[in-house]
Amino acid sequence: MPIVTVQQGPRSVELKRELVQRITDAFVDTLQLPAETVQVWIQEVPADSWGVAGKLVADK
């Protein structure tokens, strides 16, 4: 049973639904697994808790 963890900034529910479906489809197509065995966990990180190139994303 694969578990995929995605860490990203906040996104709409619609985009997260599409992402989960596409990730699941990739595992089903590539590894020929039943969709029921694929879990996708989304961890949303707020912009003030994420840094890139020495700066908070919230400051960009």
Protein backbone atom coordinates (compact mmCIF):
# COMPACT_ATOMS: atom_id res chain seq x y z
CA MET A 1 0.00 0.00 0.00
CA PRO A 2 1.80 3.16 -1.14
CA ILE A 3 1.46 6.34 0.87
CA VAL A 4 2.36 9.54 -0.96
CA THR A 5 2.99 12.70 1.06
CA VAL A 6 2.71 16.08 -0.66
CA GLN A 7 3.98 19.17 1.12
CA GLN A 8 2.80 22.41 -0.41
CA GLY A 9 1.33 25.80 0.25
CA PRO A 10 -2.44 26.08 0.66
CA ARG A 11 -4.53 25.22 -2.41
CA SER A 12 -8.24 25.06 -3.15
CA VAL A 13 -10.20 21.87 -2.48
CA GLU A 14 -10.78 21.52 -6.24
CA LEU A 15 -7.04 21.53 -6.98
CA LYS A 16 -6.36 19.05 -4.17
CA ARG A 17 -9.05 16.70 -5.52
CA GLU A 18 -7.44 16.78 -8.96
CA LEU A 19 -3.97 16.25 -7.51
CA VAL A 20 -5.09 13.26 -5.45
CA GLN A 21 -6.82 11.71 -8.47
CA ARG A 22 -3.82 12.19 -10.75
CA ILE A 23 -1.36 10.79 -8.21
CA THR A 24 -3.62 7.79 -7.62
CA ASP A 25 -3.98 7.24 -11.38
CA ALA A 26 -0.20 7.31 -11.80
CA PHE A 27 0.25 4.53 -9.24
CA VAL A 28 -2.61 2.50 -10.69
CA ASP A 29 -1.24 2.84 -14.24
CA THR A 30 2.44 2.38 -13.43
CA LEU A 31 2.35 -0.25 -10.69
CA GLN A 32 -0.99 -1.81 -11.61
CA LEU A 33 -2.31 -1.43 -8.07
CA PRO A 34 -5.95 -1.14 -7.08
CA ALA A 35 -6.85 2.51 -6.46
CA GLU A 36 -8.12 1.57 -2.99
CA THR A 37 -4.56 0.82 -1.89
CA VAL A 38 -3.13 4.25 -2.76
CA GLN A 39 -3.16 6.88 -0.01
CA VAL A 40 -2.26 10.53 -0.61
CA TRP A 41 -1.58 12.79 2.36
CA ILE A 42 -1.45 16.54 1.76
CA GLN A 43 0.38 18.67 4.29
CA GLU A 44 -0.26 22.35 3.73
CA VAL A 45 2.40 24.70 5.00
CA PRO A 46 1.42 28.35 5.50
CA ALA A 47 3.55 30.95 3.74
CA ASP A 48 4.83 32.29 7.09
CA SER A 49 6.18 28.83 7.99
CA TRP A 50 8.12 28.18 4.78
CA GLY A 51 11.37 29.70 3.58
CA VAL A 52 13.12 29.82 0.22
CA ALA A 53 16.54 31.34 -0.44
CA GLY A 54 16.79 32.70 3.09
CA LYS A 55 13.40 34.45 3.09
CA LEU A 56 9.91 33.53 4.17
CA VAL A 57 7.57 32.89 1.28
CA ALA A 58 5.14 35.29 3.02
CA ASP A 59 7.68 38.10 2.52
CA LYS A 60 7.96 37.66 -1.23
